[in-house]
N, C-alpha and C. Protein backbone atom coordinates (compact mmCIF):
# COMPACT_ATOMS: atom_id res chain seq x y z
N MET A 1 -52.91 -57.36 42.66
CA MET A 1 -53.40 -56.78 41.45
C MET A 1 -52.38 -55.84 40.83
N ASN A 2 -51.67 -55.07 41.64
CA ASN A 2 -50.64 -54.17 41.14
C ASN A 2 -49.51 -54.93 40.47
N LYS A 3 -49.16 -56.08 41.07
CA LYS A 3 -48.10 -56.89 40.50
C LYS A 3 -48.52 -57.43 39.14
N ARG A 4 -49.75 -57.87 39.07
CA ARG A 4 -50.26 -58.42 37.82
C ARG A 4 -50.34 -57.33 36.74
N SER A 5 -50.76 -56.12 37.07
CA SER A 5 -50.83 -55.00 36.12
C SER A 5 -49.43 -54.62 35.64
N LEU A 6 -48.50 -54.64 36.55
CA LEU A 6 -47.13 -54.31 36.20
C LEU A 6 -46.55 -55.33 35.22
N ILE A 7 -46.78 -56.61 35.47
CA ILE A 7 -46.28 -57.67 34.59
C ILE A 7 -46.94 -57.58 33.22
N VAL A 8 -48.24 -57.34 33.18
CA VAL A 8 -48.95 -57.22 31.91
C VAL A 8 -48.44 -56.00 31.14
N SER A 9 -48.22 -54.89 31.84
CA SER A 9 -47.72 -53.67 31.19
C SER A 9 -46.33 -53.89 30.61
N ILE A 10 -45.45 -54.53 31.37
CA ILE A 10 -44.09 -54.80 30.89
C ILE A 10 -44.14 -55.74 29.69
N GLY A 11 -44.98 -56.74 29.75
CA GLY A 11 -45.13 -57.68 28.63
C GLY A 11 -45.65 -56.97 27.39
N PHE A 12 -46.60 -56.08 27.58
CA PHE A 12 -47.16 -55.32 26.46
C PHE A 12 -46.10 -54.41 25.84
N LEU A 13 -45.28 -53.74 26.66
CA LEU A 13 -44.21 -52.88 26.16
C LEU A 13 -43.16 -53.68 25.39
N LEU A 14 -42.82 -54.86 25.90
CA LEU A 14 -41.85 -55.71 25.20
C LEU A 14 -42.40 -56.15 23.84
N LEU A 15 -43.67 -56.46 23.81
CA LEU A 15 -44.31 -56.86 22.56
C LEU A 15 -44.29 -55.71 21.55
N LEU A 16 -44.59 -54.50 22.01
CA LEU A 16 -44.55 -53.33 21.12
C LEU A 16 -43.14 -53.05 20.63
N ALA A 17 -42.16 -53.19 21.50
CA ALA A 17 -40.77 -52.93 21.12
C ALA A 17 -40.30 -53.95 20.08
N ALA A 18 -40.75 -55.16 20.18
CA ALA A 18 -40.36 -56.21 19.24
C ALA A 18 -40.96 -55.98 17.86
N CYS A 19 -42.11 -55.34 17.79
CA CYS A 19 -42.78 -55.10 16.51
C CYS A 19 -42.37 -53.78 15.86
N ASN A 20 -41.55 -53.02 16.51
CA ASN A 20 -41.14 -51.72 16.00
C ASN A 20 -40.23 -51.89 14.77
N ASN A 21 -40.29 -50.92 13.82
CA ASN A 21 -39.36 -50.93 12.68
C ASN A 21 -37.94 -50.75 13.18
N ASP A 22 -37.03 -51.39 12.52
CA ASP A 22 -35.62 -51.23 12.86
C ASP A 22 -35.09 -50.02 12.11
N SER A 23 -35.08 -48.88 12.75
CA SER A 23 -34.67 -47.65 12.07
C SER A 23 -33.16 -47.61 11.84
N ALA A 24 -32.40 -48.51 12.41
CA ALA A 24 -30.97 -48.55 12.20
C ALA A 24 -30.61 -49.08 10.82
N VAL A 25 -31.56 -49.70 10.13
CA VAL A 25 -31.28 -50.29 8.82
C VAL A 25 -31.81 -49.36 7.72
N GLU A 26 -31.57 -48.06 7.83
CA GLU A 26 -31.99 -47.12 6.80
C GLU A 26 -31.16 -47.27 5.54
N GLY A 27 -30.01 -47.90 5.62
CA GLY A 27 -29.15 -48.10 4.46
C GLY A 27 -29.76 -49.01 3.41
N LEU A 28 -30.86 -49.65 3.73
CA LEU A 28 -31.52 -50.52 2.76
C LEU A 28 -32.02 -49.72 1.57
N TYR A 29 -32.44 -48.48 1.82
CA TYR A 29 -32.96 -47.62 0.75
C TYR A 29 -31.86 -46.66 0.31
N ASN A 30 -31.69 -46.50 -1.00
CA ASN A 30 -30.65 -45.58 -1.46
C ASN A 30 -31.17 -44.15 -1.45
N GLU A 31 -30.28 -43.23 -1.81
CA GLU A 31 -30.63 -41.81 -1.72
C GLU A 31 -31.71 -41.39 -2.69
N SER A 32 -31.86 -42.07 -3.82
CA SER A 32 -32.83 -41.61 -4.81
C SER A 32 -34.26 -41.90 -4.39
N GLY A 33 -34.47 -42.87 -3.55
CA GLY A 33 -35.81 -43.21 -3.09
C GLY A 33 -36.63 -43.97 -4.11
N ASN A 34 -36.05 -44.30 -5.25
CA ASN A 34 -36.80 -44.97 -6.31
C ASN A 34 -36.63 -46.48 -6.31
N THR A 35 -35.70 -47.00 -5.55
CA THR A 35 -35.43 -48.42 -5.57
C THR A 35 -34.81 -48.84 -4.25
N ILE A 36 -34.77 -50.14 -3.98
CA ILE A 36 -34.13 -50.61 -2.76
C ILE A 36 -32.82 -51.31 -3.08
N ASN A 37 -32.25 -51.01 -4.22
CA ASN A 37 -30.96 -51.57 -4.60
C ASN A 37 -29.89 -50.98 -3.70
N VAL A 38 -29.15 -51.82 -3.00
CA VAL A 38 -28.14 -51.33 -2.08
C VAL A 38 -26.73 -51.43 -2.65
N ASN A 39 -26.61 -51.70 -3.92
CA ASN A 39 -25.30 -51.77 -4.55
C ASN A 39 -24.75 -50.36 -4.68
N ASP A 40 -23.80 -50.00 -3.81
CA ASP A 40 -23.29 -48.64 -3.84
C ASP A 40 -22.24 -48.43 -4.93
N GLN A 41 -22.07 -49.38 -5.82
CA GLN A 41 -21.17 -49.21 -6.95
C GLN A 41 -21.88 -48.59 -8.15
N ARG A 42 -23.17 -48.36 -8.04
CA ARG A 42 -23.93 -47.78 -9.15
C ARG A 42 -23.70 -46.28 -9.20
N ALA A 43 -23.00 -45.84 -10.23
CA ALA A 43 -22.68 -44.42 -10.36
C ALA A 43 -23.89 -43.56 -10.64
N ASP A 44 -24.94 -44.17 -11.19
CA ASP A 44 -26.12 -43.36 -11.53
C ASP A 44 -26.97 -43.02 -10.32
N ILE A 45 -26.74 -43.68 -9.20
CA ILE A 45 -27.53 -43.42 -8.00
C ILE A 45 -26.70 -42.74 -6.92
N TYR A 46 -25.47 -43.15 -6.76
CA TYR A 46 -24.67 -42.69 -5.64
C TYR A 46 -23.61 -41.69 -6.08
N ASN A 47 -23.57 -40.56 -5.43
CA ASN A 47 -22.51 -39.59 -5.59
C ASN A 47 -22.07 -39.25 -4.17
N LYS A 48 -21.20 -40.07 -3.64
CA LYS A 48 -20.88 -40.01 -2.22
C LYS A 48 -20.24 -38.70 -1.79
N ASN A 49 -19.33 -38.16 -2.61
CA ASN A 49 -18.63 -36.96 -2.16
C ASN A 49 -19.41 -35.68 -2.43
N GLY A 50 -20.43 -35.72 -3.28
CA GLY A 50 -21.26 -34.56 -3.53
C GLY A 50 -20.55 -33.42 -4.24
N LYS A 51 -19.35 -33.67 -4.75
CA LYS A 51 -18.59 -32.64 -5.43
C LYS A 51 -18.82 -32.72 -6.93
N ASN A 52 -18.67 -31.61 -7.58
CA ASN A 52 -18.74 -31.56 -9.03
C ASN A 52 -17.55 -30.75 -9.51
N GLU A 53 -16.43 -31.42 -9.67
CA GLU A 53 -15.19 -30.78 -10.07
C GLU A 53 -15.17 -30.58 -11.58
N PRO A 54 -14.50 -29.53 -12.06
CA PRO A 54 -14.46 -29.28 -13.51
C PRO A 54 -13.84 -30.43 -14.32
N GLU A 55 -12.94 -31.18 -13.70
CA GLU A 55 -12.31 -32.28 -14.44
C GLU A 55 -13.10 -33.58 -14.37
N ASP A 56 -14.16 -33.61 -13.57
CA ASP A 56 -14.99 -34.81 -13.47
C ASP A 56 -15.78 -35.03 -14.75
N PHE A 57 -16.03 -36.28 -15.07
CA PHE A 57 -16.89 -36.61 -16.19
C PHE A 57 -18.33 -36.29 -15.82
N GLY A 58 -19.15 -36.07 -16.81
CA GLY A 58 -20.58 -35.87 -16.57
C GLY A 58 -21.32 -37.12 -16.99
N TYR A 59 -22.11 -37.68 -16.10
CA TYR A 59 -22.87 -38.89 -16.42
C TYR A 59 -24.25 -38.78 -15.80
N VAL A 60 -25.26 -39.07 -16.61
CA VAL A 60 -26.64 -39.07 -16.13
C VAL A 60 -27.35 -40.25 -16.76
N ARG A 61 -28.21 -40.89 -15.99
CA ARG A 61 -29.03 -41.98 -16.52
C ARG A 61 -30.48 -41.66 -16.20
N HIS A 62 -31.33 -41.75 -17.21
CA HIS A 62 -32.76 -41.56 -17.02
C HIS A 62 -33.49 -42.80 -17.48
N GLN A 63 -34.53 -43.15 -16.76
CA GLN A 63 -35.39 -44.26 -17.15
C GLN A 63 -36.76 -43.71 -17.46
N LYS A 64 -37.44 -44.35 -18.40
CA LYS A 64 -38.76 -43.87 -18.78
C LYS A 64 -39.70 -43.85 -17.58
N ALA A 65 -39.67 -44.89 -16.77
CA ALA A 65 -40.50 -44.95 -15.57
C ALA A 65 -39.64 -45.49 -14.43
N PRO A 66 -38.91 -44.60 -13.69
CA PRO A 66 -38.04 -45.08 -12.63
C PRO A 66 -38.78 -45.76 -11.49
N VAL A 67 -40.01 -45.39 -11.26
CA VAL A 67 -40.85 -46.03 -10.25
C VAL A 67 -42.04 -46.61 -10.98
N THR A 68 -42.34 -47.86 -10.70
CA THR A 68 -43.44 -48.52 -11.39
C THR A 68 -44.72 -47.70 -11.27
N GLY A 69 -45.34 -47.48 -12.42
CA GLY A 69 -46.60 -46.74 -12.43
C GLY A 69 -46.44 -45.25 -12.66
N THR A 70 -45.20 -44.75 -12.71
CA THR A 70 -45.00 -43.33 -12.98
C THR A 70 -44.46 -43.16 -14.38
N ASN A 71 -44.65 -42.00 -14.94
CA ASN A 71 -44.12 -41.71 -16.27
C ASN A 71 -43.54 -40.31 -16.24
N VAL A 72 -42.23 -40.22 -16.37
CA VAL A 72 -41.57 -38.93 -16.35
C VAL A 72 -41.06 -38.56 -17.74
N ALA A 73 -41.60 -39.20 -18.76
CA ALA A 73 -41.12 -38.99 -20.12
C ALA A 73 -41.41 -37.59 -20.64
N ASN A 74 -42.33 -36.87 -20.04
CA ASN A 74 -42.70 -35.56 -20.58
C ASN A 74 -42.13 -34.39 -19.79
N ASP A 75 -41.33 -34.64 -18.78
CA ASP A 75 -40.81 -33.52 -17.99
C ASP A 75 -39.32 -33.26 -18.22
N HIS A 76 -38.80 -33.62 -19.36
CA HIS A 76 -37.37 -33.47 -19.59
C HIS A 76 -37.03 -32.53 -20.74
N TYR A 77 -37.97 -31.78 -21.21
CA TYR A 77 -37.69 -30.86 -22.30
C TYR A 77 -37.05 -29.60 -21.76
N ALA A 78 -36.07 -29.11 -22.46
CA ALA A 78 -35.37 -27.91 -22.03
C ALA A 78 -35.23 -26.95 -23.21
N ALA A 79 -35.17 -25.69 -22.92
CA ALA A 79 -34.98 -24.68 -23.96
C ALA A 79 -33.53 -24.23 -23.94
N MET A 80 -33.01 -23.94 -25.11
CA MET A 80 -31.65 -23.46 -25.21
C MET A 80 -31.64 -21.97 -24.87
N ASP A 81 -30.73 -21.57 -24.03
CA ASP A 81 -30.57 -20.16 -23.69
C ASP A 81 -29.71 -19.52 -24.78
N ARG A 82 -30.34 -18.76 -25.65
CA ARG A 82 -29.64 -18.19 -26.81
C ARG A 82 -28.58 -17.18 -26.40
N GLU A 83 -28.85 -16.43 -25.35
CA GLU A 83 -27.88 -15.44 -24.87
C GLU A 83 -26.60 -16.13 -24.38
N LYS A 84 -26.76 -17.19 -23.59
CA LYS A 84 -25.58 -17.93 -23.10
C LYS A 84 -24.85 -18.61 -24.25
N THR A 85 -25.60 -19.12 -25.21
CA THR A 85 -24.98 -19.76 -26.37
C THR A 85 -24.15 -18.75 -27.15
N ALA A 86 -24.70 -17.56 -27.36
CA ALA A 86 -23.96 -16.50 -28.06
C ALA A 86 -22.71 -16.12 -27.27
N ASP A 87 -22.82 -16.07 -25.95
CA ASP A 87 -21.68 -15.74 -25.10
C ASP A 87 -20.59 -16.80 -25.22
N ILE A 88 -20.98 -18.05 -25.18
CA ILE A 88 -20.00 -19.15 -25.30
C ILE A 88 -19.28 -19.09 -26.64
N ILE A 89 -20.05 -18.91 -27.72
CA ILE A 89 -19.45 -18.86 -29.05
C ILE A 89 -18.47 -17.69 -29.15
N SER A 90 -18.87 -16.52 -28.67
CA SER A 90 -17.99 -15.34 -28.74
C SER A 90 -16.71 -15.56 -27.96
N LYS A 91 -16.84 -16.12 -26.76
CA LYS A 91 -15.64 -16.36 -25.94
C LYS A 91 -14.71 -17.37 -26.61
N LEU A 92 -15.27 -18.44 -27.15
CA LEU A 92 -14.43 -19.44 -27.82
C LEU A 92 -13.76 -18.86 -29.06
N CYS A 93 -14.46 -18.03 -29.79
CA CYS A 93 -13.89 -17.45 -31.01
C CYS A 93 -12.74 -16.49 -30.70
N THR A 94 -12.80 -15.81 -29.55
CA THR A 94 -11.68 -14.92 -29.21
C THR A 94 -10.43 -15.70 -28.84
N ASP A 95 -10.55 -17.01 -28.64
CA ASP A 95 -9.38 -17.85 -28.40
C ASP A 95 -8.65 -18.20 -29.70
N ILE A 96 -9.28 -17.97 -30.83
CA ILE A 96 -8.66 -18.26 -32.13
C ILE A 96 -7.59 -17.20 -32.38
N PRO A 97 -6.39 -17.61 -32.79
CA PRO A 97 -5.33 -16.63 -33.07
C PRO A 97 -5.78 -15.61 -34.13
N ASN A 98 -5.44 -14.36 -33.89
CA ASN A 98 -5.73 -13.24 -34.79
C ASN A 98 -7.21 -12.89 -34.87
N VAL A 99 -8.03 -13.40 -33.97
CA VAL A 99 -9.43 -12.98 -33.89
C VAL A 99 -9.58 -12.24 -32.57
N ASP A 100 -9.89 -10.95 -32.66
CA ASP A 100 -9.83 -10.10 -31.48
C ASP A 100 -11.18 -9.67 -30.93
N ASP A 101 -12.13 -9.41 -31.80
CA ASP A 101 -13.41 -8.85 -31.37
C ASP A 101 -14.52 -9.64 -32.05
N VAL A 102 -15.41 -10.23 -31.25
CA VAL A 102 -16.44 -11.11 -31.81
C VAL A 102 -17.81 -10.71 -31.26
N SER A 103 -18.76 -10.56 -32.17
CA SER A 103 -20.17 -10.34 -31.81
C SER A 103 -20.96 -11.50 -32.37
N THR A 104 -21.83 -12.09 -31.56
CA THR A 104 -22.59 -13.26 -31.99
C THR A 104 -24.06 -13.05 -31.70
N LEU A 105 -24.88 -13.38 -32.69
CA LEU A 105 -26.33 -13.36 -32.55
C LEU A 105 -26.83 -14.77 -32.79
N VAL A 106 -27.61 -15.29 -31.85
CA VAL A 106 -28.20 -16.62 -31.99
C VAL A 106 -29.71 -16.45 -32.05
N THR A 107 -30.30 -16.90 -33.15
CA THR A 107 -31.76 -16.88 -33.29
C THR A 107 -32.25 -18.32 -33.14
N GLY A 108 -33.47 -18.57 -33.51
CA GLY A 108 -33.99 -19.93 -33.44
C GLY A 108 -33.47 -20.83 -34.53
N GLU A 109 -32.89 -20.23 -35.58
CA GLU A 109 -32.43 -21.01 -36.73
C GLU A 109 -31.01 -20.70 -37.16
N GLU A 110 -30.53 -19.49 -36.83
CA GLU A 110 -29.23 -19.06 -37.34
C GLU A 110 -28.30 -18.63 -36.22
N VAL A 111 -27.01 -18.69 -36.55
CA VAL A 111 -25.98 -18.07 -35.74
C VAL A 111 -25.26 -17.11 -36.67
N ILE A 112 -25.19 -15.86 -36.28
CA ILE A 112 -24.54 -14.83 -37.09
C ILE A 112 -23.38 -14.28 -36.27
N ILE A 113 -22.19 -14.33 -36.87
CA ILE A 113 -20.98 -13.92 -36.15
C ILE A 113 -20.25 -12.85 -36.95
N VAL A 114 -19.95 -11.74 -36.29
CA VAL A 114 -19.12 -10.69 -36.86
C VAL A 114 -17.84 -10.67 -36.03
N TYR A 115 -16.70 -10.78 -36.70
CA TYR A 115 -15.44 -10.82 -35.98
C TYR A 115 -14.42 -9.91 -36.64
N ALA A 116 -13.49 -9.42 -35.84
CA ALA A 116 -12.39 -8.61 -36.35
C ALA A 116 -11.14 -9.46 -36.34
N THR A 117 -10.42 -9.40 -37.45
CA THR A 117 -9.18 -10.17 -37.55
C THR A 117 -8.12 -9.35 -38.27
N ASP A 118 -6.87 -9.61 -37.94
CA ASP A 118 -5.77 -8.97 -38.66
C ASP A 118 -5.02 -10.00 -39.50
N SER A 119 -5.65 -11.11 -39.75
CA SER A 119 -5.04 -12.17 -40.55
C SER A 119 -5.21 -11.87 -42.04
N ASP A 120 -4.22 -12.27 -42.81
CA ASP A 120 -4.30 -12.11 -44.27
C ASP A 120 -5.13 -13.22 -44.90
N ASN A 121 -5.24 -14.34 -44.22
CA ASN A 121 -5.98 -15.48 -44.76
C ASN A 121 -7.43 -15.45 -44.25
N ARG A 122 -8.27 -14.72 -44.95
CA ARG A 122 -9.67 -14.52 -44.54
C ARG A 122 -10.44 -15.83 -44.55
N LYS A 123 -10.19 -16.68 -45.55
CA LYS A 123 -10.94 -17.94 -45.67
C LYS A 123 -10.64 -18.87 -44.49
N GLU A 124 -9.37 -18.92 -44.10
CA GLU A 124 -9.00 -19.78 -42.98
C GLU A 124 -9.66 -19.30 -41.68
N LYS A 125 -9.64 -17.99 -41.43
CA LYS A 125 -10.26 -17.46 -40.22
C LYS A 125 -11.77 -17.68 -40.24
N ALA A 126 -12.39 -17.49 -41.40
CA ALA A 126 -13.84 -17.73 -41.51
C ALA A 126 -14.15 -19.19 -41.19
N ASP A 127 -13.31 -20.09 -41.69
CA ASP A 127 -13.51 -21.52 -41.43
C ASP A 127 -13.36 -21.83 -39.94
N GLN A 128 -12.35 -21.25 -39.30
CA GLN A 128 -12.13 -21.49 -37.88
C GLN A 128 -13.28 -20.95 -37.03
N VAL A 129 -13.74 -19.76 -37.36
CA VAL A 129 -14.84 -19.16 -36.60
C VAL A 129 -16.12 -19.98 -36.79
N LYS A 130 -16.38 -20.38 -38.02
CA LYS A 130 -17.60 -21.15 -38.31
C LYS A 130 -17.57 -22.50 -37.60
N LYS A 131 -16.43 -23.18 -37.65
CA LYS A 131 -16.32 -24.49 -37.00
C LYS A 131 -16.42 -24.38 -35.48
N THR A 132 -15.95 -23.28 -34.94
CA THR A 132 -16.09 -23.06 -33.50
C THR A 132 -17.57 -22.95 -33.13
N ALA A 133 -18.32 -22.20 -33.91
CA ALA A 133 -19.76 -22.09 -33.66
C ALA A 133 -20.45 -23.43 -33.86
N MET A 134 -20.02 -24.19 -34.85
CA MET A 134 -20.61 -25.50 -35.11
C MET A 134 -20.41 -26.45 -33.93
N SER A 135 -19.35 -26.24 -33.19
CA SER A 135 -19.08 -27.12 -32.05
C SER A 135 -19.98 -26.82 -30.85
N VAL A 136 -20.72 -25.72 -30.92
CA VAL A 136 -21.55 -25.31 -29.79
C VAL A 136 -23.04 -25.56 -30.03
N VAL A 137 -23.50 -25.29 -31.24
CA VAL A 137 -24.95 -25.36 -31.51
C VAL A 137 -25.32 -26.67 -32.20
N PRO A 138 -26.60 -27.04 -32.15
CA PRO A 138 -27.05 -28.23 -32.87
C PRO A 138 -26.78 -28.11 -34.37
N ARG A 139 -26.68 -29.23 -35.01
CA ARG A 139 -26.28 -29.30 -36.42
C ARG A 139 -27.24 -28.57 -37.36
N TRP A 140 -28.51 -28.47 -37.01
CA TRP A 140 -29.48 -27.88 -37.91
C TRP A 140 -29.43 -26.36 -37.96
N PHE A 141 -28.61 -25.72 -37.14
CA PHE A 141 -28.45 -24.27 -37.21
C PHE A 141 -27.67 -23.88 -38.46
N ASP A 142 -28.08 -22.81 -39.10
CA ASP A 142 -27.30 -22.22 -40.19
C ASP A 142 -26.36 -21.20 -39.57
N ILE A 143 -25.09 -21.27 -39.95
CA ILE A 143 -24.08 -20.40 -39.35
C ILE A 143 -23.50 -19.50 -40.44
N PHE A 144 -23.52 -18.20 -40.16
CA PHE A 144 -23.00 -17.21 -41.10
C PHE A 144 -21.96 -16.37 -40.38
N VAL A 145 -20.82 -16.17 -41.04
CA VAL A 145 -19.72 -15.42 -40.42
C VAL A 145 -19.27 -14.32 -41.37
N THR A 146 -18.76 -13.26 -40.79
CA THR A 146 -18.20 -12.17 -41.59
C THR A 146 -17.11 -11.46 -40.82
N ASP A 147 -16.11 -11.02 -41.56
CA ASP A 147 -15.06 -10.19 -40.96
C ASP A 147 -15.28 -8.72 -41.33
N ASN A 148 -16.43 -8.41 -41.90
CA ASN A 148 -16.82 -7.04 -42.22
C ASN A 148 -17.40 -6.41 -40.96
N THR A 149 -16.56 -5.71 -40.22
CA THR A 149 -16.99 -5.16 -38.93
C THR A 149 -18.00 -4.02 -39.09
N ALA A 150 -18.17 -3.51 -40.30
CA ALA A 150 -19.20 -2.49 -40.53
C ALA A 150 -20.60 -3.07 -40.32
N LEU A 151 -20.74 -4.39 -40.40
CA LEU A 151 -22.04 -5.04 -40.19
C LEU A 151 -22.34 -5.29 -38.71
N ARG A 152 -21.39 -4.98 -37.85
CA ARG A 152 -21.57 -5.23 -36.42
C ARG A 152 -22.79 -4.47 -35.87
N LYS A 153 -22.95 -3.22 -36.26
CA LYS A 153 -24.09 -2.44 -35.76
C LYS A 153 -25.41 -3.06 -36.20
N ASN A 154 -25.46 -3.61 -37.41
CA ASN A 154 -26.68 -4.28 -37.88
C ASN A 154 -27.00 -5.48 -36.99
N VAL A 155 -25.97 -6.24 -36.65
CA VAL A 155 -26.17 -7.42 -35.80
C VAL A 155 -26.58 -6.98 -34.40
N GLU A 156 -25.94 -5.93 -33.89
CA GLU A 156 -26.27 -5.43 -32.55
C GLU A 156 -27.71 -4.95 -32.46
N SER A 157 -28.26 -4.48 -33.56
CA SER A 157 -29.64 -3.97 -33.54
C SER A 157 -30.65 -5.08 -33.24
N PHE A 158 -30.27 -6.33 -33.42
CA PHE A 158 -31.17 -7.45 -33.13
C PHE A 158 -31.09 -7.90 -31.67
N ALA A 159 -30.17 -7.33 -30.91
CA ALA A 159 -29.94 -7.79 -29.54
C ALA A 159 -31.18 -7.67 -28.66
N THR A 160 -32.01 -6.68 -28.91
CA THR A 160 -33.20 -6.48 -28.07
C THR A 160 -34.45 -7.11 -28.66
N MET A 161 -34.31 -7.77 -29.79
CA MET A 161 -35.47 -8.39 -30.45
C MET A 161 -35.61 -9.84 -30.02
N ASP A 162 -36.75 -10.43 -30.40
CA ASP A 162 -36.95 -11.86 -30.19
C ASP A 162 -37.61 -12.45 -31.43
N SER A 163 -37.91 -13.72 -31.36
CA SER A 163 -38.47 -14.43 -32.52
C SER A 163 -39.82 -13.88 -32.95
N ASP A 164 -40.52 -13.23 -32.04
CA ASP A 164 -41.85 -12.70 -32.34
C ASP A 164 -41.83 -11.25 -32.81
N SER A 165 -40.64 -10.64 -32.87
CA SER A 165 -40.56 -9.24 -33.28
C SER A 165 -41.02 -9.09 -34.73
N ARG A 166 -41.73 -8.01 -34.98
CA ARG A 166 -42.25 -7.75 -36.33
C ARG A 166 -41.09 -7.52 -37.30
N LYS A 167 -41.18 -8.14 -38.42
CA LYS A 167 -40.22 -7.98 -39.53
C LYS A 167 -38.80 -8.42 -39.17
N ALA A 168 -38.62 -9.12 -38.06
CA ALA A 168 -37.28 -9.56 -37.67
C ALA A 168 -36.74 -10.56 -38.68
N GLU A 169 -37.57 -11.49 -39.12
CA GLU A 169 -37.10 -12.52 -40.05
C GLU A 169 -36.65 -11.90 -41.37
N TYR A 170 -37.41 -10.95 -41.88
CA TYR A 170 -37.04 -10.29 -43.14
C TYR A 170 -35.73 -9.53 -42.97
N ALA A 171 -35.59 -8.80 -41.87
CA ALA A 171 -34.37 -8.02 -41.63
C ALA A 171 -33.15 -8.94 -41.49
N ILE A 172 -33.33 -10.07 -40.82
CA ILE A 172 -32.22 -11.02 -40.66
C ILE A 172 -31.84 -11.61 -42.02
N ASP A 173 -32.82 -11.92 -42.83
CA ASP A 173 -32.54 -12.45 -44.18
C ASP A 173 -31.75 -11.44 -45.01
N GLN A 174 -32.09 -10.17 -44.89
CA GLN A 174 -31.35 -9.12 -45.62
C GLN A 174 -29.92 -9.02 -45.10
N LEU A 175 -29.75 -9.12 -43.80
CA LEU A 175 -28.42 -9.08 -43.20
C LEU A 175 -27.59 -10.27 -43.67
N ILE A 176 -28.20 -11.44 -43.72
CA ILE A 176 -27.49 -12.64 -44.16
C ILE A 176 -27.01 -12.50 -45.60
N LYS A 177 -27.79 -11.86 -46.45
CA LYS A 177 -27.37 -11.62 -47.84
C LYS A 177 -26.08 -10.80 -47.87
N GLU A 178 -25.98 -9.80 -47.00
CA GLU A 178 -24.76 -8.99 -46.92
C GLU A 178 -23.59 -9.81 -46.37
N ILE A 179 -23.87 -10.60 -45.35
CA ILE A 179 -22.83 -11.40 -44.71
C ILE A 179 -22.26 -12.43 -45.67
N LYS A 180 -23.08 -12.98 -46.54
CA LYS A 180 -22.63 -14.00 -47.48
C LYS A 180 -21.62 -13.48 -48.49
N LYS A 181 -21.44 -12.17 -48.56
CA LYS A 181 -20.42 -11.59 -49.44
C LYS A 181 -19.02 -11.82 -48.87
N SER A 182 -18.95 -12.15 -47.60
CA SER A 182 -17.68 -12.46 -46.94
C SER A 182 -17.40 -13.95 -47.05
N PRO A 183 -16.13 -14.36 -46.90
CA PRO A 183 -15.83 -15.80 -46.88
C PRO A 183 -16.62 -16.49 -45.76
N GLN A 184 -17.17 -17.67 -46.06
CA GLN A 184 -18.02 -18.39 -45.10
C GLN A 184 -17.37 -19.64 -44.52
N GLY A 185 -16.18 -19.96 -44.93
CA GLY A 185 -15.56 -21.19 -44.44
C GLY A 185 -16.23 -22.40 -45.06
N GLN A 186 -15.87 -23.56 -44.58
CA GLN A 186 -16.42 -24.78 -45.18
C GLN A 186 -17.58 -25.33 -44.42
């Protein structure tokens, strides 16, 4: 009886081992978990080295429904960080020759830039500063520039405000009227 139990037990274990998943073939599924495509030449799924070097290209691919039955179309909205945008514009503008001091205010609709320059060609500098800002923000933003540094304090006064601040829109409109007296570039 012991011999027979032993043989049945060994047979049962062999049967269980044969039905087990082959965990050595995990390479069948890619890292994203959304597909079983094993083509490792797909740049949108595989990033083997995990590095993000400054000279690397940026590439992203999104599908409306990467997994059948799911919909990720509504989770991709992002808000623009106005403070970072103002910082980027100011830093880029200080790279322009003869532009030394730049203050930038970014609202929901406008970009207002006050800059100091020692250039004799005010129109050219205004054009360069404006085009620099245009390269950063979406096209629908209105961009206003001035080399009248006396207006810097007016612009700075908006730094602690937001879109919901009382009378902010009226005050910005009044400031823009003053700024428009300076060359605006093309």
